[in-house]
């Protein structure tokens, strides 16, 4: 197997309902355009000089995709759930960090949490934060199980 440094990345977030919590999670992935692939969970370091894209490219069914993601599912009516990813890009684009959070909270609360995480990660490393990006999703559970998912997907091409 040959490992390559990802060349492109995209930030995505969605929420959805489903017949079960797992179906809700799957439906959120489908909304994001990554429901027919195999997500390979990554830790949270971004390679230098990655190109951020706005649209999910055509992906072969079953492809292994390196992904950092946060998710939460619930079937408790009236509960608000959120998932967020915060991305920090360093000055000089020497790399960056991704932090994930999910919980029983609003999208704004999840966003604030990942922002604090990114700032701490940069401070600990002695890096200067040039840019902060966030992808977040929120949903309030009604009568069906629901999921909120946020992801950074990295592509080798």
C-alpha atoms as a PDB file:
ATOM      1  CA  UNK A   1       0.000   0.000   0.000  1.00  0.00           C
ATOM      2  CA  UNK A   2       1.250   3.450  -0.856  1.00  0.00           C
ATOM      3  CA  UNK A   3       0.507   6.398   1.453  1.00  0.00           C
ATOM      4  CA  UNK A   4       0.395   9.893   0.043  1.00  0.00           C
ATOM      5  CA  UNK A   5      -0.054  13.294   1.584  1.00  0.00           C
ATOM      6  CA  UNK A   6      -3.572  14.572   0.895  1.00  0.00           C
ATOM      7  CA  UNK A   7      -3.700  17.330  -1.692  1.00  0.00           C
ATOM      8  CA  UNK A   8      -7.237  18.658  -1.240  1.00  0.00           C
ATOM      9  CA  UNK A   9      -9.732  18.910   1.598  1.00  0.00           C
ATOM     10  CA  UNK A  10     -13.310  19.964   2.143  1.00  0.00           C
ATOM     11  CA  UNK A  11     -15.293  20.916   5.228  1.00  0.00           C
ATOM     12  CA  UNK A  12     -18.823  19.528   5.467  1.00  0.00           C
ATOM     13  CA  UNK A  13     -21.659  19.473   7.994  1.00  0.00           C
ATOM     14  CA  UNK A  14     -25.221  18.175   7.963  1.00  0.00           C
ATOM     15  CA  UNK A  15     -27.979  16.889  10.172  1.00  0.00           C
ATOM     16  CA  UNK A  16     -30.692  14.375   9.386  1.00  0.00           C
ATOM     17  CA  UNK A  17     -33.378  12.118  10.791  1.00  0.00           C
ATOM     18  CA  UNK A  18     -33.697   8.379  10.262  1.00  0.00           C
ATOM     19  CA  UNK A  19     -35.531   5.269  11.384  1.00  0.00           C
ATOM     20  CA  UNK A  20     -32.671   4.508  13.798  1.00  0.00           C
ATOM     21  CA  UNK A  21     -29.738   6.520  15.117  1.00  0.00           C
ATOM     22  CA  UNK A  22     -27.418   4.758  12.663  1.00  0.00           C
ATOM     23  CA  UNK A  23     -29.777   5.518   9.773  1.00  0.00           C
ATOM     24  CA  UNK A  24     -29.853   9.182  10.866  1.00  0.00           C
ATOM     25  CA  UNK A  25     -26.022   9.229  10.822  1.00  0.00           C
ATOM     26  CA  UNK A  26     -25.988   7.590   7.386  1.00  0.00           C
ATOM     27  CA  UNK A  27     -28.575  10.071   6.072  1.00  0.00           C
ATOM     28  CA  UNK A  28     -26.424  12.997   7.243  1.00  0.00           C
ATOM     29  CA  UNK A  29     -23.432  11.482   5.430  1.00  0.00           C
ATOM     30  CA  UNK A  30     -25.545  11.125   2.276  1.00  0.00           C
ATOM     31  CA  UNK A  31     -26.557  14.798   2.546  1.00  0.00           C
ATOM     32  CA  UNK A  32     -22.869  15.723   2.653  1.00  0.00           C
ATOM     33  CA  UNK A  33     -22.095  13.593  -0.411  1.00  0.00           C
ATOM     34  CA  UNK A  34     -19.940  11.053   1.461  1.00  0.00           C
ATOM     35  CA  UNK A  35     -22.485   8.354   2.251  1.00  0.00           C
ATOM     36  CA  UNK A  36     -21.257   5.773  -0.232  1.00  0.00           C
ATOM     37  CA  UNK A  37     -17.612   5.642   0.838  1.00  0.00           C
ATOM     38  CA  UNK A  38     -15.614   4.217   3.741  1.00  0.00           C
ATOM     39  CA  UNK A  39     -14.477   6.895   6.150  1.00  0.00           C
ATOM     40  CA  UNK A  40     -11.061   6.285   7.653  1.00  0.00           C
ATOM     41  CA  UNK A  41     -10.949   8.233  10.921  1.00  0.00           C
ATOM     42  CA  UNK A  42      -7.914  10.471  11.282  1.00  0.00           C
ATOM     43  CA  UNK A  43      -6.436  12.396  14.125  1.00  0.00           C
ATOM     44  CA  UNK A  44      -6.338  16.105  13.618  1.00  0.00           C
ATOM     45  CA  UNK A  45      -3.290  17.379  11.721  1.00  0.00           C
ATOM     46  CA  UNK A  46      -3.582  19.103   8.355  1.00  0.00           C
ATOM     47  CA  UNK A  47      -0.654  18.794   5.933  1.00  0.00           C
ATOM     48  CA  UNK A  48       0.929  21.997   4.685  1.00  0.00           C
ATOM     49  CA  UNK A  49      -0.291  23.658   1.519  1.00  0.00           C
ATOM     50  CA  UNK A  50      -3.521  21.699   1.257  1.00  0.00           C
ATOM     51  CA  UNK A  51      -6.051  23.129  -1.206  1.00  0.00           C
ATOM     52  CA  UNK A  52      -9.507  23.752   0.283  1.00  0.00           C
ATOM     53  CA  UNK A  53     -12.291  22.925  -2.153  1.00  0.00           C
ATOM     54  CA  UNK A  54     -15.977  23.880  -2.071  1.00  0.00           C
ATOM     55  CA  UNK A  55     -17.601  20.885  -3.754  1.00  0.00           C
ATOM     56  CA  UNK A  56     -17.259  17.145  -3.139  1.00  0.00           C
ATOM     57  CA  UNK A  57     -15.612  15.653  -6.232  1.00  0.00           C
ATOM     58  CA  UNK A  58     -16.903  12.493  -7.830  1.00  0.00           C
ATOM     59  CA  UNK A  59     -15.903   9.646  -5.536  1.00  0.00           C
ATOM     60  CA  UNK A  60     -15.954   5.952  -6.462  1.00  0.00           C
ATOM     61  CA  UNK A  61     -18.345   3.902  -4.329  1.00  0.00           C
ATOM     62  CA  UNK A  62     -16.487   2.203  -1.497  1.00  0.00           C
ATOM     63  CA  UNK A  63     -13.380   4.415  -1.688  1.00  0.00           C
ATOM     64  CA  UNK A  64     -11.365   4.776   1.530  1.00  0.00           C
ATOM     65  CA  UNK A  65     -11.402   8.462   2.482  1.00  0.00           C
ATOM     66  CA  UNK A  66      -9.227   9.955   5.219  1.00  0.00           C
ATOM     67  CA  UNK A  67     -11.646  11.934   7.390  1.00  0.00           C
ATOM     68  CA  UNK A  68     -11.737  13.817  10.665  1.00  0.00           C
ATOM     69  CA  UNK A  69     -15.307  13.856  11.914  1.00  0.00           C
ATOM     70  CA  UNK A  70     -17.513  14.584  14.888  1.00  0.00           C
ATOM     71  CA  UNK A  71     -20.974  13.107  15.261  1.00  0.00           C
ATOM     72  CA  UNK A  72     -23.779  12.719  17.730  1.00  0.00           C
ATOM     73  CA  UNK A  73     -27.077  10.887  17.558  1.00  0.00           C
ATOM     74  CA  UNK A  74     -30.153  11.059  19.785  1.00  0.00           C
ATOM     75  CA  UNK A  75     -33.707   9.768  19.934  1.00  0.00           C
ATOM     76  CA  UNK A  76     -34.836  11.956  22.874  1.00  0.00           C
ATOM     77  CA  UNK A  77     -37.596  14.287  21.587  1.00  0.00           C
ATOM     78  CA  UNK A  78     -36.952  17.968  22.269  1.00  0.00           C
ATOM     79  CA  UNK A  79     -33.188  17.504  22.600  1.00  0.00           C
ATOM     80  CA  UNK A  80     -30.884  19.726  20.561  1.00  0.00           C
ATOM     81  CA  UNK A  81     -27.641  18.114  19.415  1.00  0.00           C
ATOM     82  CA  UNK A  82     -24.708  19.582  17.515  1.00  0.00           C
ATOM     83  CA  UNK A  83     -21.412  18.552  15.948  1.00  0.00           C
ATOM     84  CA  UNK A  84     -18.609  20.916  14.962  1.00  0.00           C
ATOM     85  CA  UNK A  85     -15.098  20.874  13.537  1.00  0.00           C
ATOM     86  CA  UNK A  86     -12.749  23.799  13.971  1.00  0.00           C
ATOM     87  CA  UNK A  87      -9.865  24.164  11.551  1.00  0.00           C
ATOM     88  CA  UNK A  88      -6.861  26.344  12.240  1.00  0.00           C
ATOM     89  CA  UNK A  89      -4.419  27.223   9.467  1.00  0.00           C
ATOM     90  CA  UNK A  90      -0.964  28.420  10.488  1.00  0.00           C
ATOM     91  CA  UNK A  91       0.825  31.498   9.216  1.00  0.00           C
ATOM     92  CA  UNK A  92       2.866  30.545   6.171  1.00  0.00           C
ATOM     93  CA  UNK A  93       0.494  27.579   5.619  1.00  0.00           C
ATOM     94  CA  UNK A  94       2.973  25.199   7.226  1.00  0.00           C
ATOM     95  CA  UNK A  95       0.111  23.012   8.350  1.00  0.00           C
ATOM     96  CA  UNK A  96      -2.837  23.187  10.625  1.00  0.00           C
ATOM     97  CA  UNK A  97      -5.016  21.499  13.187  1.00  0.00           C
ATOM     98  CA  UNK A  98      -8.573  20.206  13.305  1.00  0.00           C
ATOM     99  CA  UNK A  99     -10.501  19.819  16.545  1.00  0.00           C
ATOM    100  CA  UNK A 100     -13.866  18.109  16.823  1.00  0.00           C
ATOM    101  CA  UNK A 101     -16.704  18.393  19.307  1.00  0.00           C
ATOM    102  CA  UNK A 102     -20.230  17.031  19.613  1.00  0.00           C
ATOM    103  CA  UNK A 103     -22.770  17.353  22.380  1.00  0.00           C
ATOM    104  CA  UNK A 104     -26.181  18.279  23.674  1.00  0.00           C
ATOM    105  CA  UNK A 105     -25.844  21.946  22.807  1.00  0.00           C
ATOM    106  CA  UNK A 106     -26.438  24.511  20.077  1.00  0.00           C
ATOM    107  CA  UNK A 107     -24.317  24.901  16.969  1.00  0.00           C
ATOM    108  CA  UNK A 108     -22.993  28.180  18.375  1.00  0.00           C
ATOM    109  CA  UNK A 109     -21.870  26.488  21.609  1.00  0.00           C
ATOM    110  CA  UNK A 110     -20.147  23.691  19.678  1.00  0.00           C
ATOM    111  CA  UNK A 111     -18.453  26.281  17.455  1.00  0.00           C
ATOM    112  CA  UNK A 112     -17.135  28.199  20.471  1.00  0.00           C
ATOM    113  CA  UNK A 113     -15.779  24.969  21.956  1.00  0.00           C
ATOM    114  CA  UNK A 114     -13.777  24.009  18.843  1.00  0.00           C
ATOM    115  CA  UNK A 115     -12.492  27.573  18.520  1.00  0.00           C
ATOM    116  CA  UNK A 116     -11.043  27.393  22.039  1.00  0.00           C
ATOM    117  CA  UNK A 117      -9.555  23.963  21.246  1.00  0.00           C
ATOM    118  CA  UNK A 118      -7.849  25.240  18.082  1.00  0.00           C
ATOM    119  CA  UNK A 119      -6.456  28.277  19.921  1.00  0.00           C
ATOM    120  CA  UNK A 120      -5.024  26.057  22.668  1.00  0.00           C
ATOM    121  CA  UNK A 121      -3.522  23.594  20.169  1.00  0.00           C
ATOM    122  CA  UNK A 122      -1.756  26.441  18.392  1.00  0.00           C
ATOM    123  CA  UNK A 123      -0.589  28.035  21.630  1.00  0.00           C
ATOM    124  CA  UNK A 124       0.884  24.736  22.899  1.00  0.00           C
ATOM    125  CA  UNK A 125       2.799  24.253  19.629  1.00  0.00           C
ATOM    126  CA  UNK A 126       3.977  27.863  19.448  1.00  0.00           C
ATOM    127  CA  UNK A 127       2.256  28.314  16.086  1.00  0.00           C
ATOM    128  CA  UNK A 128       0.588  31.515  14.922  1.00  0.00           C
ATOM    129  CA  UNK A 129      -3.054  31.155  13.884  1.00  0.00           C
ATOM    130  CA  UNK A 130      -3.664  32.776  10.502  1.00  0.00           C
ATOM    131  CA  UNK A 131      -7.179  31.529   9.792  1.00  0.00           C
ATOM    132  CA  UNK A 132      -9.983  29.765  11.659  1.00  0.00           C
ATOM    133  CA  UNK A 133     -12.745  27.886   9.809  1.00  0.00           C
ATOM    134  CA  UNK A 134     -15.666  25.952  11.194  1.00  0.00           C
ATOM    135  CA  UNK A 135     -18.203  23.418   9.948  1.00  0.00           C
ATOM    136  CA  UNK A 136     -21.124  22.755  12.277  1.00  0.00           C
ATOM    137  CA  UNK A 137     -24.550  21.134  12.215  1.00  0.00           C
ATOM    138  CA  UNK A 138     -27.437  21.206  14.670  1.00  0.00           C
ATOM    139  CA  UNK A 139     -30.781  19.468  14.926  1.00  0.00           C
ATOM    140  CA  UNK A 140     -33.565  19.269  17.469  1.00  0.00           C
ATOM    141  CA  UNK A 141     -34.967  15.772  17.799  1.00  0.00           C
ATOM    142  CA  UNK A 142     -38.653  15.516  16.926  1.00  0.00           C
ATOM    143  CA  UNK A 143     -40.351  12.140  16.507  1.00  0.00           C
ATOM    144  CA  UNK A 144     -37.506  10.242  14.847  1.00  0.00           C
ATOM    145  CA  UNK A 145     -33.870   9.601  15.769  1.00  0.00           C
ATOM    146  CA  UNK A 146     -31.576  12.390  14.577  1.00  0.00           C
ATOM    147  CA  UNK A 147     -27.872  12.936  13.938  1.00  0.00           C
ATOM    148  CA  UNK A 148     -25.537  15.886  13.513  1.00  0.00           C
ATOM    149  CA  UNK A 149     -22.226  15.349  11.703  1.00  0.00           C
ATOM    150  CA  UNK A 150     -19.298  17.614  10.813  1.00  0.00           C
ATOM    151  CA  UNK A 151     -16.337  16.409   8.755  1.00  0.00           C
ATOM    152  CA  UNK A 152     -13.126  17.363   7.051  1.00  0.00           C
ATOM    153  CA  UNK A 153     -12.503  14.966   4.192  1.00  0.00           C
ATOM    154  CA  UNK A 154      -9.053  14.780   2.605  1.00  0.00           C
ATOM    155  CA  UNK A 155      -8.446  13.683  -0.958  1.00  0.00           C
ATOM    156  CA  UNK A 156      -5.233  12.302  -2.496  1.00  0.00           C
ATOM    157  CA  UNK A 157      -5.949  13.985  -5.842  1.00  0.00           C
END
